[in-house]
Amino acid sequence: MKTPLVFDGHNDLLLRIHSGNVPFGQDGFQGDGGHQIDLAKAKAGGFGGGFFAIYVPNETSSMDDEEMNKPAYDLPLPEPVNWAEAARVAMSQAAILIRLEREGALRICRTTAEIRAAMEAGILAAVMHMEGAEAIDPEFNTLDVLYEAGLRSLGPVWSRPTIYGHGVPFRFPSTGDTGDGLTADGIRLIKKCNDLRILVDLSHLNEAGFWDVAKHSDAPLVATHSNAHTLSTHSRNLTDRQLHAIRDSDGMVGLNFAVAFLRADGRMDDDTPIDRMIEHLDYLMEHLGEDRVGLGSDFDGAAVPAEIRTVAGLPALRAAMAARGYGAELITKLCHGNWLRVLDQTWGTASA
């Protein structure tokens, strides 16, 4: 099943290309490269596009697969990244996306009409997203520049703290109630995003920050790549109370394929059946409704179930949805329809 096309809430392809430190055009993306997302795999799997994240890494990774295979873990978060370094890396990754568009590999989309048109034309539809706002100065100068370049979605934090708020650690078992919420600058950032009609991403925010966004934002609440805490008691996942707040705002959640956030034991083990993903989809739909759930894979940023592995494996997920009894209309909503619905509401006509 290569259709309906998947429009996905999160990938880290730009980071992979940036970190590869190879000349532009030699990164493999426009052929069949070593990424979980490239043009050949996208065509094979019916991948129509999604949110392409700009993410500033630390010099050393905070992800430790060996630790995350223990019965319990609490990985230390790295130190914040200073603005000058973050802005340099963010501009580099934004430039990668712009160059890919210039080469005809994808299209940066600022409206849902542009997303629909790109997908209908068989061109990857890319939403420029920022995961962690270290590159955004308190005067919002870089935000204004990146907005003009196409930025339409932003998460105030990854997991390490920023001047805007606090994220959740990679901790299992744990709730997201791990510290303070948004700062005064963080509240200003949310209101600025509302003014520009930039989607505010709740994934990685701690619980206090989540409720601060719910209080101060006038847009639908959206978590681009998060799962159900009841099924996997990881700090990254959302409690029923949070899911109900998202439902009441007419927002949505994108299912994260990262196995540690799917599994009941919290392990980073790709020997995780697709049925576990379906269980999360069932649970999310039970608490959000079938119009408020989509996909937020974390491709090129995480280990995903081995039966899928890359975007070329997406037909297996569609087949599992059908085997569970999901009808064609529901599968279309989950694959891309619900993302287009919430982006219509969030962006409105201001992003045209």
C-alpha atoms as a PDB file:
ATOM      1  CA  MET A   1       0.000   0.000   0.000  1.00  0.00           C
ATOM      2  CA  LYS A   2       1.816   3.115  -1.274  1.00  0.00           C
ATOM      3  CA  THR A   3      -1.199   5.375  -0.904  1.00  0.00           C
ATOM      4  CA  PRO A   4      -2.526   7.520   0.602  1.00  0.00           C
ATOM      5  CA  LEU A   5       0.623   9.642   0.707  1.00  0.00           C
ATOM      6  CA  VAL A   6       2.140  10.250   4.127  1.00  0.00           C
ATOM      7  CA  PHE A   7       2.683  13.805   5.309  1.00  0.00           C
ATOM      8  CA  ASP A   8       4.757  13.462   8.451  1.00  0.00           C
ATOM      9  CA  GLY A   9       5.131  15.627  11.546  1.00  0.00           C
ATOM     10  CA  HIS A  10       8.884  15.314  12.149  1.00  0.00           C
ATOM     11  CA  ASN A  11      12.160  14.251  10.573  1.00  0.00           C
ATOM     12  CA  ASP A  12      15.823  15.081  11.229  1.00  0.00           C
ATOM     13  CA  LEU A  13      17.152  14.784   7.684  1.00  0.00           C
ATOM     14  CA  LEU A  14      18.678  18.286   7.710  1.00  0.00           C
ATOM     15  CA  LEU A  15      20.751  17.411  10.764  1.00  0.00           C
ATOM     16  CA  ARG A  16      22.013  14.212   9.111  1.00  0.00           C
ATOM     17  CA  ILE A  17      23.047  16.073   5.972  1.00  0.00           C
ATOM     18  CA  HIS A  18      24.623  18.894   7.998  1.00  0.00           C
ATOM     19  CA  SER A  19      26.506  16.464  10.243  1.00  0.00           C
ATOM     20  CA  GLY A  20      27.736  14.428   7.274  1.00  0.00           C
ATOM     21  CA  ASN A  21      30.088  17.274   6.318  1.00  0.00           C
ATOM     22  CA  VAL A  22      30.072  16.423   2.600  1.00  0.00           C
ATOM     23  CA  PRO A  23      29.759  18.818  -0.353  1.00  0.00           C
ATOM     24  CA  PHE A  24      26.216  19.718  -1.297  1.00  0.00           C
ATOM     25  CA  GLY A  25      24.832  17.286  -3.851  1.00  0.00           C
ATOM     26  CA  GLN A  26      26.955  14.408  -2.542  1.00  0.00           C
ATOM     27  CA  ASP A  27      24.804  13.647   0.495  1.00  0.00           C
ATOM     28  CA  GLY A  28      22.813  10.905  -1.257  1.00  0.00           C
ATOM     29  CA  PHE A  29      19.412  12.504  -0.729  1.00  0.00           C
ATOM     30  CA  GLN A  30      18.573  12.914  -4.392  1.00  0.00           C
ATOM     31  CA  GLY A  31      19.328   9.282  -5.159  1.00  0.00           C
ATOM     32  CA  ASP A  32      19.166   6.265  -2.904  1.00  0.00           C
ATOM     33  CA  GLY A  33      21.390   7.425  -0.050  1.00  0.00           C
ATOM     34  CA  GLY A  34      22.064   6.185   3.440  1.00  0.00           C
ATOM     35  CA  HIS A  35      19.306   8.232   5.060  1.00  0.00           C
ATOM     36  CA  GLN A  36      15.942   6.989   6.273  1.00  0.00           C
ATOM     37  CA  ILE A  37      14.509   9.647   3.931  1.00  0.00           C
ATOM     38  CA  ASP A  38      15.757  10.151   0.376  1.00  0.00           C
ATOM     39  CA  LEU A  39      13.988  10.572  -2.949  1.00  0.00           C
ATOM     40  CA  ALA A  40      14.185   6.926  -3.978  1.00  0.00           C
ATOM     41  CA  LYS A  41      12.853   5.665  -0.649  1.00  0.00           C
ATOM     42  CA  ALA A  42      10.163   8.368  -0.595  1.00  0.00           C
ATOM     43  CA  LYS A  43       8.871   7.210  -3.973  1.00  0.00           C
ATOM     44  CA  ALA A  44       8.968   3.559  -2.900  1.00  0.00           C
ATOM     45  CA  GLY A  45       7.080   4.227   0.332  1.00  0.00           C
ATOM     46  CA  GLY A  46       4.562   6.849  -0.730  1.00  0.00           C
ATOM     47  CA  PHE A  47       6.128   9.575   1.405  1.00  0.00           C
ATOM     48  CA  GLY A  48       4.728  12.937   0.351  1.00  0.00           C
ATOM     49  CA  GLY A  49       6.627  15.229   2.726  1.00  0.00           C
ATOM     50  CA  GLY A  50       6.408  16.683   6.185  1.00  0.00           C
ATOM     51  CA  PHE A  51       8.102  18.843   8.798  1.00  0.00           C
ATOM     52  CA  PHE A  52      11.871  19.105   8.161  1.00  0.00           C
ATOM     53  CA  ALA A  53      13.470  20.023  11.486  1.00  0.00           C
ATOM     54  CA  ILE A  54      16.290  22.472  12.061  1.00  0.00           C
ATOM     55  CA  TYR A  55      18.039  21.147  15.173  1.00  0.00           C
ATOM     56  CA  VAL A  56      21.289  22.301  16.798  1.00  0.00           C
ATOM     57  CA  PRO A  57      23.214  19.361  18.290  1.00  0.00           C
ATOM     58  CA  ASN A  58      25.699  19.411  21.135  1.00  0.00           C
ATOM     59  CA  GLU A  59      29.280  18.308  20.530  1.00  0.00           C
ATOM     60  CA  THR A  60      28.488  15.017  22.245  1.00  0.00           C
ATOM     61  CA  SER A  61      25.175  13.193  21.914  1.00  0.00           C
ATOM     62  CA  SER A  62      22.853  12.853  24.891  1.00  0.00           C
ATOM     63  CA  MET A  63      21.354   9.694  23.391  1.00  0.00           C
ATOM     64  CA  ASP A  64      22.892   6.494  24.728  1.00  0.00           C
ATOM     65  CA  ASP A  65      21.322   3.347  23.305  1.00  0.00           C
ATOM     66  CA  GLU A  66      23.092   1.129  25.851  1.00  0.00           C
ATOM     67  CA  GLU A  67      21.678   3.138  28.766  1.00  0.00           C
ATOM     68  CA  MET A  68      18.252   3.267  27.126  1.00  0.00           C
ATOM     69  CA  ASN A  69      18.122  -0.531  27.066  1.00  0.00           C
ATOM     70  CA  LYS A  70      18.251  -0.728  30.853  1.00  0.00           C
ATOM     71  CA  PRO A  71      15.066  -1.233  32.921  1.00  0.00           C
ATOM     72  CA  ALA A  72      15.266   2.399  34.069  1.00  0.00           C
ATOM     73  CA  TYR A  73      17.403   5.338  32.968  1.00  0.00           C
ATOM     74  CA  ASP A  74      17.849   9.073  33.372  1.00  0.00           C
ATOM     75  CA  LEU A  75      20.261  10.492  30.820  1.00  0.00           C
ATOM     76  CA  PRO A  76      21.920  13.790  31.757  1.00  0.00           C
ATOM     77  CA  LEU A  77      20.960  16.677  29.502  1.00  0.00           C
ATOM     78  CA  PRO A  78      23.737  18.582  27.746  1.00  0.00           C
ATOM     79  CA  GLU A  79      24.457  22.221  28.458  1.00  0.00           C
ATOM     80  CA  PRO A  80      22.569  24.926  26.533  1.00  0.00           C
ATOM     81  CA  VAL A  81      24.056  26.032  23.227  1.00  0.00           C
ATOM     82  CA  ASN A  82      24.993  29.712  22.939  1.00  0.00           C
ATOM     83  CA  TRP A  83      23.091  31.856  20.468  1.00  0.00           C
ATOM     84  CA  ALA A  84      25.968  32.569  18.064  1.00  0.00           C
ATOM     85  CA  GLU A  85      26.746  28.881  17.540  1.00  0.00           C
ATOM     86  CA  ALA A  86      23.070  27.938  17.386  1.00  0.00           C
ATOM     87  CA  ALA A  87      22.330  30.631  14.790  1.00  0.00           C
ATOM     88  CA  ARG A  88      25.280  29.479  12.662  1.00  0.00           C
ATOM     89  CA  VAL A  89      24.088  25.871  12.636  1.00  0.00           C
ATOM     90  CA  ALA A  90      20.437  26.794  12.140  1.00  0.00           C
ATOM     91  CA  MET A  91      21.247  28.978   9.143  1.00  0.00           C
ATOM     92  CA  SER A  92      23.363  26.172   7.688  1.00  0.00           C
ATOM     93  CA  GLN A  93      20.473  23.703   7.950  1.00  0.00           C
ATOM     94  CA  ALA A  94      17.957  26.207   6.599  1.00  0.00           C
ATOM     95  CA  ALA A  95      20.312  26.731   3.655  1.00  0.00           C
ATOM     96  CA  ILE A  96      20.404  22.978   3.014  1.00  0.00           C
ATOM     97  CA  LEU A  97      16.615  22.946   2.715  1.00  0.00           C
ATOM     98  CA  ILE A  98      16.660  25.995   0.433  1.00  0.00           C
ATOM     99  CA  ARG A  99      19.312  24.392  -1.794  1.00  0.00           C
ATOM    100  CA  LEU A 100      17.312  21.164  -2.010  1.00  0.00           C
ATOM    101  CA  GLU A 101      14.364  23.232  -3.199  1.00  0.00           C
ATOM    102  CA  ARG A 102      16.567  25.070  -5.699  1.00  0.00           C
ATOM    103  CA  GLU A 103      17.714  21.713  -7.086  1.00  0.00           C
ATOM    104  CA  GLY A 104      14.099  20.579  -7.495  1.00  0.00           C
ATOM    105  CA  ALA A 105      14.300  17.855  -4.843  1.00  0.00           C
ATOM    106  CA  LEU A 106      11.450  19.275  -2.759  1.00  0.00           C
ATOM    107  CA  ARG A 107       9.293  22.353  -2.315  1.00  0.00           C
ATOM    108  CA  ILE A 108       9.256  24.527   0.822  1.00  0.00           C
ATOM    109  CA  CYS A 109       5.581  25.058   1.612  1.00  0.00           C
ATOM    110  CA  ARG A 110       4.130  27.980   3.533  1.00  0.00           C
ATOM    111  CA  THR A 111       0.420  27.211   3.046  1.00  0.00           C
ATOM    112  CA  THR A 112      -1.683  24.077   2.946  1.00  0.00           C
ATOM    113  CA  ALA A 113      -2.563  24.909  -0.668  1.00  0.00           C
ATOM    114  CA  GLU A 114       1.151  24.659  -1.470  1.00  0.00           C
ATOM    115  CA  ILE A 115       1.412  21.327   0.375  1.00  0.00           C
ATOM    116  CA  ARG A 116      -1.531  19.904  -1.567  1.00  0.00           C
ATOM    117  CA  ALA A 117      -0.169  21.173  -4.871  1.00  0.00           C
ATOM    118  CA  ALA A 118       3.286  19.714  -4.237  1.00  0.00           C
ATOM    119  CA  MET A 119       1.919  16.323  -3.247  1.00  0.00           C
ATOM    120  CA  GLU A 120      -0.377  16.228  -6.260  1.00  0.00           C
ATOM    121  CA  ALA A 121       2.590  17.051  -8.502  1.00  0.00           C
ATOM    122  CA  GLY A 122       4.719  14.293  -6.958  1.00  0.00           C
ATOM    123  CA  ILE A 123       7.113  16.774  -5.314  1.00  0.00           C
ATOM    124  CA  LEU A 124       8.125  16.397  -1.658  1.00  0.00           C
ATOM    125  CA  ALA A 125       6.297  19.036   0.410  1.00  0.00           C
ATOM    126  CA  ALA A 126       8.601  20.429   3.102  1.00  0.00           C
ATOM    127  CA  VAL A 127       7.567  22.545   6.074  1.00  0.00           C
ATOM    128  CA  MET A 128      10.539  24.312   7.639  1.00  0.00           C
ATOM    129  CA  HIS A 129      10.416  23.533  11.372  1.00  0.00           C
ATOM    130  CA  MET A 130      12.728  24.422  14.266  1.00  0.00           C
ATOM    131  CA  GLU A 131      13.229  21.930  17.115  1.00  0.00           C
ATOM    132  CA  GLY A 132      14.542  23.993  20.003  1.00  0.00           C
ATOM    133  CA  ALA A 133      14.763  27.790  19.765  1.00  0.00           C
ATOM    134  CA  GLU A 134      18.408  28.338  20.748  1.00  0.00           C
ATOM    135  CA  ALA A 135      18.936  30.160  17.432  1.00  0.00           C
ATOM    136  CA  ILE A 136      16.132  32.646  18.157  1.00  0.00           C
ATOM    137  CA  ASP A 137      17.398  35.816  19.860  1.00  0.00           C
ATOM    138  CA  PRO A 138      15.148  37.587  22.412  1.00  0.00           C
ATOM    139  CA  GLU A 139      14.551  40.430  19.940  1.00  0.00           C
ATOM    140  CA  PHE A 140      13.205  37.816  17.461  1.00  0.00           C
ATOM    141  CA  ASN A 141      15.393  39.082  14.623  1.00  0.00           C
ATOM    142  CA  THR A 142      16.397  35.578  13.544  1.00  0.00           C
ATOM    143  CA  LEU A 143      12.774  34.475  13.842  1.00  0.00           C
ATOM    144  CA  ASP A 144      11.706  37.180  11.405  1.00  0.00           C
ATOM    145  CA  VAL A 145      14.458  36.209   8.953  1.00  0.00           C
ATOM    146  CA  LEU A 146      13.665  32.498   9.166  1.00  0.00           C
ATOM    147  CA  TYR A 147       9.954  33.209   8.802  1.00  0.00           C
ATOM    148  CA  GLU A 148      10.661  34.940   5.492  1.00  0.00           C
ATOM    149  CA  ALA A 149      12.733  31.881   4.482  1.00  0.00           C
ATOM    150  CA  GLY A 150       9.735  29.648   5.161  1.00  0.00           C
ATOM    151  CA  LEU A 151       9.741  28.742   8.877  1.00  0.00           C
ATOM    152  CA  ARG A 152       6.173  27.824   9.836  1.00  0.00           C
ATOM    153  CA  SER A 153       6.602  25.565  12.884  1.00  0.00           C
ATOM    154  CA  LEU A 154       8.713  25.924  16.037  1.00  0.00           C
ATOM    155  CA  GLY A 155       9.307  24.051  19.271  1.00  0.00           C
ATOM    156  CA  PRO A 156      10.581  26.384  22.035  1.00  0.00           C
ATOM    157  CA  VAL A 157      12.836  23.630  23.380  1.00  0.00           C
ATOM    158  CA  TRP A 158      14.351  20.342  22.424  1.00  0.00           C
ATOM    159  CA  SER A 159      15.127  18.698  25.771  1.00  0.00           C
ATOM    160  CA  ARG A 160      17.923  20.892  27.128  1.00  0.00           C
ATOM    161  CA  PRO A 161      16.809  24.267  28.544  1.00  0.00           C
ATOM    162  CA  THR A 162      16.709  27.430  26.476  1.00  0.00           C
ATOM    163  CA  ILE A 163      16.035  31.035  27.436  1.00  0.00           C
ATOM    164  CA  TYR A 164      12.418  30.231  26.590  1.00  0.00           C
ATOM    165  CA  GLY A 165      11.699  27.177  28.730  1.00  0.00           C
ATOM    166  CA  HIS A 166      12.573  23.682  29.849  1.00  0.00           C
ATOM    167  CA  GLY A 167      12.350  20.329  28.131  1.00  0.00           C
ATOM    168  CA  VAL A 168      11.954  16.829  29.451  1.00  0.00           C
ATOM    169  CA  PRO A 169      14.994  14.611  30.021  1.00  0.00           C
ATOM    170  CA  PHE A 170      15.304  11.167  28.479  1.00  0.00           C
ATOM    171  CA  ARG A 171      14.020   9.526  31.627  1.00  0.00           C
ATOM    172  CA  PHE A 172      12.141   6.246  32.080  1.00  0.00           C
ATOM    173  CA  PRO A 173       9.908   5.703  33.896  1.00  0.00           C
ATOM    174  CA  SER A 174       8.861   9.307  34.410  1.00  0.00           C
ATOM    175  CA  THR A 175       6.145  11.813  33.792  1.00  0.00           C
ATOM    176  CA  GLY A 176       6.863  15.106  32.060  1.00  0.00           C
ATOM    177  CA  ASP A 177       6.481  16.949  35.372  1.00  0.00           C
ATOM    178  CA  THR A 178      10.206  17.646  35.623  1.00  0.00           C
ATOM    179  CA  GLY A 179      10.626  21.335  36.418  1.00  0.00           C
ATOM    180  CA  ASP A 180       9.719  24.891  35.581  1.00  0.00           C
ATOM    181  CA  GLY A 181       7.742  25.904  32.520  1.00  0.00           C
ATOM    182  CA  LEU A 182       8.077  28.811  30.114  1.00  0.00           C
ATOM    183  CA  THR A 183      10.110  31.862  31.038  1.00  0.00           C
ATOM    184  CA  ALA A 184       8.825  35.389  30.485  1.00  0.00           C
ATOM    185  CA  ASP A 185      10.692  35.357  27.163  1.00  0.00           C
ATOM    186  CA  GLY A 186       9.060  32.035  26.383  1.00  0.00           C
ATOM    187  CA  ILE A 187       5.602  33.524  26.801  1.00  0.00           C
ATOM    188  CA  ARG A 188       6.641  36.376  24.498  1.00  0.00           C
ATOM    189  CA  LEU A 189       7.834  33.806  21.952  1.00  0.00           C
ATOM    190  CA  ILE A 190       4.501  31.969  22.002  1.00  0.00           C
ATOM    191  CA  LYS A 191       2.628  35.221  21.406  1.00  0.00           C
ATOM    192  CA  LYS A 192       5.011  36.164  18.578  1.00  0.00           C
ATOM    193  CA  CYS A 193       4.419  32.772  16.955  1.00  0.00           C
ATOM    194  CA  ASN A 194       0.666  33.305  17.289  1.00  0.00           C
ATOM    195  CA  ASP A 195       1.007  36.708  15.629  1.00  0.00           C
ATOM    196  CA  LEU A 196       2.951  35.196  12.704  1.00  0.00           C
ATOM    197  CA  ARG A 197       0.720  32.108  12.628  1.00  0.00           C
ATOM    198  CA  ILE A 198       3.720  29.844  13.258  1.00  0.00           C
ATOM    199  CA  LEU A 199       2.697  26.477  14.709  1.00  0.00           C
ATOM    200  CA  VAL A 200       3.969  25.960  18.282  1.00  0.00           C
ATOM    201  CA  ASP A 201       5.205  22.401  18.829  1.00  0.00           C
ATOM    202  CA  LEU A 202       4.655  20.919  22.303  1.00  0.00           C
ATOM    203  CA  SER A 203       6.864  17.846  21.809  1.00  0.00           C
ATOM    204  CA  HIS A 204       9.900  17.946  24.160  1.00  0.00           C
ATOM    205  CA  LEU A 205       8.349  20.612  26.420  1.00  0.00           C
ATOM    206  CA  ASN A 206       7.956  19.550  30.028  1.00  0.00           C
ATOM    207  CA  GLU A 207       4.493  19.423  31.564  1.00  0.00           C
ATOM    208  CA  ALA A 208       4.673  22.894  33.129  1.00  0.00           C
ATOM    209  CA  GLY A 209       5.678  24.341  29.765  1.00  0.00           C
ATOM    210  CA  PHE A 210       2.831  22.488  28.072  1.00  0.00           C
ATOM    211  CA  TRP A 211       0.297  24.101  30.375  1.00  0.00           C
ATOM    212  CA  ASP A 212       1.914  27.514  29.908  1.00  0.00           C
ATOM    213  CA  VAL A 213       1.456  27.198  26.141  1.00  0.00           C
ATOM    214  CA  ALA A 214      -2.135  26.051  26.672  1.00  0.00           C
ATOM    215  CA  LYS A 215      -2.747  29.155  28.784  1.00  0.00           C
ATOM    216  CA  HIS A 216      -1.081  31.744  26.539  1.00  0.00           C
ATOM    217  CA  SER A 217      -1.538  30.424  22.980  1.00  0.00           C
ATOM    218  CA  ASP A 218      -4.608  31.144  20.873  1.00  0.00           C
ATOM    219  CA  ALA A 219      -3.809  28.366  18.363  1.00  0.00           C
ATOM    220  CA  PRO A 220      -4.644  24.637  18.373  1.00  0.00           C
ATOM    221  CA  LEU A 221      -2.293  22.674  20.636  1.00  0.00           C
ATOM    222  CA  VAL A 222      -0.028  20.401  18.582  1.00  0.00           C
ATOM    223  CA  ALA A 223       2.594  17.817  19.539  1.00  0.00           C
ATOM    224  CA  THR A 224       4.333  16.899  16.304  1.00  0.00           C
ATOM    225  CA  HIS A 225       5.966  13.659  17.499  1.00  0.00           C
ATOM    226  CA  SER A 226       4.749  12.290  20.837  1.00  0.00           C
ATOM    227  CA  ASN A 227       2.958   9.202  22.133  1.00  0.00           C
ATOM    228  CA  ALA A 228       0.609   8.070  24.903  1.00  0.00           C
ATOM    229  CA  HIS A 229       2.117   8.026  28.409  1.00  0.00           C
ATOM    230  CA  THR A 230      -0.378   5.412  29.593  1.00  0.00           C
ATOM    231  CA  LEU A 231       1.109   2.911  27.120  1.00  0.00           C
ATOM    232  CA  SER A 232       4.761   3.936  27.554  1.00  0.00           C
ATOM    233  CA  THR A 233       5.625   5.769  30.760  1.00  0.00           C
ATOM    234  CA  HIS A 234       8.423   7.838  29.244  1.00  0.00           C
ATOM    235  CA  SER A 235       8.871  11.497  30.147  1.00  0.00           C
ATOM    236  CA  ARG A 236       8.496  12.367  26.433  1.00  0.00           C
ATOM    237  CA  ASN A 237       4.955  11.033  26.224  1.00  0.00           C
ATOM    238  CA  LEU A 238       1.634  12.759  26.904  1.00  0.00           C
ATOM    239  CA  THR A 239      -0.713  12.056  29.808  1.00  0.00           C
ATOM    240  CA  ASP A 240      -4.457  11.659  29.317  1.00  0.00           C
ATOM    241  CA  ARG A 241      -4.980  15.126  30.770  1.00  0.00           C
ATOM    242  CA  GLN A 242      -2.639  16.611  28.170  1.00  0.00           C
ATOM    243  CA  LEU A 243      -4.339  14.652  25.391  1.00  0.00           C
ATOM    244  CA  HIS A 244      -7.705  16.003  26.489  1.00  0.00           C
ATOM    245  CA  ALA A 245      -6.384  19.574  26.425  1.00  0.00           C
ATOM    246  CA  ILE A 246      -5.146  19.011  22.872  1.00  0.00           C
ATOM    247  CA  ARG A 247      -8.545  17.567  21.944  1.00  0.00           C
ATOM    248  CA  ASP A 248     -10.391  20.505  23.468  1.00  0.00           C
ATOM    249  CA  SER A 249      -8.242  22.964  21.472  1.00  0.00           C
ATOM    250  CA  ASP A 250      -8.957  21.006  18.253  1.00  0.00           C
ATOM    251  CA  GLY A 251      -5.235  20.326  17.892  1.00  0.00           C
ATOM    252  CA  MET A 252      -3.468  17.042  17.171  1.00  0.00           C
ATOM    253  CA  VAL A 253      -0.653  14.610  17.954  1.00  0.00           C
ATOM    254  CA  GLY A 254       1.738  12.958  15.493  1.00  0.00           C
ATOM    255  CA  LEU A 255       2.648   9.384  16.428  1.00  0.00           C
ATOM    256  CA  ASN A 256       6.381   9.128  17.144  1.00  0.00           C
ATOM    257  CA  PHE A 257       7.926   5.995  15.599  1.00  0.00           C
ATOM    258  CA  ALA A 258      10.935   6.060  17.991  1.00  0.00           C
ATOM    259  CA  VAL A 259      10.800   2.687  19.690  1.00  0.00           C
ATOM    260  CA  ALA A 260      11.723   3.907  23.193  1.00  0.00           C
ATOM    261  CA  PHE A 261       8.539   6.001  23.236  1.00  0.00           C
ATOM    262  CA  LEU A 262       6.387   3.148  21.902  1.00  0.00           C
ATOM    263  CA  ARG A 263       7.441   0.297  24.144  1.00  0.00           C
ATOM    264  CA  ALA A 264       6.009  -0.393  27.593  1.00  0.00           C
ATOM    265  CA  ASP A 265       9.557  -1.098  28.826  1.00  0.00           C
ATOM    266  CA  GLY A 266      11.009   2.131  27.379  1.00  0.00           C
ATOM    267  CA  ARG A 267      13.849   0.291  25.619  1.00  0.00           C
ATOM    268  CA  MET A 268      15.591   1.537  22.478  1.00  0.00           C
ATOM    269  CA  ASP A 269      15.090  -1.791  20.721  1.00  0.00           C
ATOM    270  CA  ASP A 270      13.994  -1.818  17.083  1.00  0.00           C
ATOM    271  CA  ASP A 271      12.625  -5.341  17.531  1.00  0.00           C
ATOM    272  CA  THR A 272       9.295  -3.650  18.197  1.00  0.00           C
ATOM    273  CA  PRO A 273       6.233  -4.830  16.262  1.00  0.00           C
ATOM    274  CA  ILE A 274       4.186  -2.453  14.135  1.00  0.00           C
ATOM    275  CA  ASP A 275       1.196  -3.559  16.183  1.00  0.00           C
ATOM    276  CA  ARG A 276       2.616  -1.490  19.034  1.00  0.00           C
ATOM    277  CA  MET A 277       2.282   1.588  16.823  1.00  0.00           C
ATOM    278  CA  ILE A 278      -1.321   0.638  16.070  1.00  0.00           C
ATOM    279  CA  GLU A 279      -2.036   0.327  19.799  1.00  0.00           C
ATOM    280  CA  HIS A 280      -0.811   3.904  20.302  1.00  0.00           C
ATOM    281  CA  LEU A 281      -2.898   5.096  17.332  1.00  0.00           C
ATOM    282  CA  ASP A 282      -5.965   3.388  18.819  1.00  0.00           C
ATOM    283  CA  TYR A 283      -5.334   4.984  22.203  1.00  0.00           C
ATOM    284  CA  LEU A 284      -4.677   8.443  20.778  1.00  0.00           C
ATOM    285  CA  MET A 285      -7.856   8.288  18.703  1.00  0.00           C
ATOM    286  CA  GLU A 286      -9.830   7.143  21.745  1.00  0.00           C
ATOM    287  CA  HIS A 287      -8.725  10.262  23.652  1.00  0.00           C
ATOM    288  CA  LEU A 288      -8.382  12.784  20.812  1.00  0.00           C
ATOM    289  CA  GLY A 289     -10.859  11.630  18.187  1.00  0.00           C
ATOM    290  CA  GLU A 290      -9.971  10.352  14.734  1.00  0.00           C
ATOM    291  CA  ASP A 291      -9.562  13.893  13.305  1.00  0.00           C
ATOM    292  CA  ARG A 292      -6.696  14.807  15.653  1.00  0.00           C
ATOM    293  CA  VAL A 293      -4.127  12.041  15.165  1.00  0.00           C
ATOM    294  CA  GLY A 294      -1.414  11.747  12.521  1.00  0.00           C
ATOM    295  CA  LEU A 295       2.161  10.563  12.072  1.00  0.00           C
ATOM    296  CA  GLY A 296       5.344  12.178  13.427  1.00  0.00           C
ATOM    297  CA  SER A 297       7.975   9.588  12.602  1.00  0.00           C
ATOM    298  CA  ASP A 298      11.301  11.058  13.817  1.00  0.00           C
ATOM    299  CA  PHE A 299      12.957   9.472  10.750  1.00  0.00           C
ATOM    300  CA  ASP A 300      16.690  10.170  10.543  1.00  0.00           C
ATOM    301  CA  GLY A 301      16.667  10.978  14.251  1.00  0.00           C
ATOM    302  CA  ALA A 302      15.705   7.754  15.982  1.00  0.00           C
ATOM    303  CA  ALA A 303      15.546   3.963  15.845  1.00  0.00           C
ATOM    304  CA  VAL A 304      12.143   2.927  14.476  1.00  0.00           C
ATOM    305  CA  PRO A 305      10.549  -0.540  14.260  1.00  0.00           C
ATOM    306  CA  ALA A 306      12.649  -2.847  12.079  1.00  0.00           C
ATOM    307  CA  GLU A 307       9.610  -3.783   9.971  1.00  0.00           C
ATOM    308  CA  ILE A 308       9.573  -0.153   8.757  1.00  0.00           C
ATOM    309  CA  ARG A 309      13.171   1.065   9.114  1.00  0.00           C
ATOM    310  CA  THR A 310      12.913   3.845   6.460  1.00  0.00           C
ATOM    311  CA  VAL A 311      10.197   5.728   4.559  1.00  0.00           C
ATOM    312  CA  ALA A 312      10.327   2.883   2.035  1.00  0.00           C
ATOM    313  CA  GLY A 313       8.767   0.750   4.778  1.00  0.00           C
ATOM    314  CA  LEU A 314       5.642   2.908   5.169  1.00  0.00           C
ATOM    315  CA  PRO A 315       3.478   0.485   3.123  1.00  0.00           C
ATOM    316  CA  ALA A 316       3.773  -1.956   6.026  1.00  0.00           C
ATOM    317  CA  LEU A 317       2.244   0.622   8.375  1.00  0.00           C
ATOM    318  CA  ARG A 318      -0.666   1.290   6.013  1.00  0.00           C
ATOM    319  CA  ALA A 319      -1.209  -2.463   5.700  1.00  0.00           C
ATOM    320  CA  ALA A 320      -1.250  -2.782   9.507  1.00  0.00           C
ATOM    321  CA  MET A 321      -3.863   0.005   9.703  1.00  0.00           C
ATOM    322  CA  ALA A 322      -6.033  -1.827   7.177  1.00  0.00           C
ATOM    323  CA  ALA A 323      -5.575  -5.130   9.010  1.00  0.00           C
ATOM    324  CA  ARG A 324      -6.800  -3.443  12.207  1.00  0.00           C
ATOM    325  CA  GLY A 325      -9.984  -2.528  10.371  1.00  0.00           C
ATOM    326  CA  TYR A 326      -9.267   1.130   9.647  1.00  0.00           C
ATOM    327  CA  GLY A 327     -11.255   2.190   6.581  1.00  0.00           C
ATOM    328  CA  ALA A 328      -9.858   4.105   3.618  1.00  0.00           C
ATOM    329  CA  GLU A 329     -11.168   7.457   4.891  1.00  0.00           C
ATOM    330  CA  LEU A 330      -9.560   7.003   8.309  1.00  0.00           C
ATOM    331  CA  ILE A 331      -6.230   5.872   6.831  1.00  0.00           C
ATOM    332  CA  THR A 332      -6.190   8.995   4.662  1.00  0.00           C
ATOM    333  CA  LYS A 333      -6.844  11.181   7.711  1.00  0.00           C
ATOM    334  CA  LEU A 334      -4.014   9.540   9.644  1.00  0.00           C
ATOM    335  CA  CYS A 335      -1.571   9.653   6.738  1.00  0.00           C
ATOM    336  CA  HIS A 336      -2.041  13.310   5.834  1.00  0.00           C
ATOM    337  CA  GLY A 337      -5.584  14.656   6.110  1.00  0.00           C
ATOM    338  CA  ASN A 338      -5.451  15.560   9.774  1.00  0.00           C
ATOM    339  CA  TRP A 339      -2.168  17.440   9.362  1.00  0.00           C
ATOM    340  CA  LEU A 340      -3.675  19.531   6.585  1.00  0.00           C
ATOM    341  CA  ARG A 341      -6.737  20.222   8.737  1.00  0.00           C
ATOM    342  CA  VAL A 342      -4.764  21.527  11.726  1.00  0.00           C
ATOM    343  CA  LEU A 343      -2.378  23.508   9.527  1.00  0.00           C
ATOM    344  CA  ASP A 344      -5.366  25.137   7.830  1.00  0.00           C
ATOM    345  CA  GLN A 345      -6.574  26.229  11.268  1.00  0.00           C
ATOM    346  CA  THR A 346      -3.162  27.306  12.565  1.00  0.00           C
ATOM    347  CA  TRP A 347      -1.785  29.089   9.531  1.00  0.00           C
ATOM    348  CA  GLY A 348      -5.010  30.514   8.135  1.00  0.00           C
ATOM    349  CA  THR A 349      -4.572  33.056   5.361  1.00  0.00           C
ATOM    350  CA  ALA A 350      -1.772  34.966   7.146  1.00  0.00           C
ATOM    351  CA  SER A 351       0.812  32.495   5.814  1.00  0.00           C
ATOM    352  CA  ALA A 352      -0.162  32.966   2.172  1.00  0.00           C
END
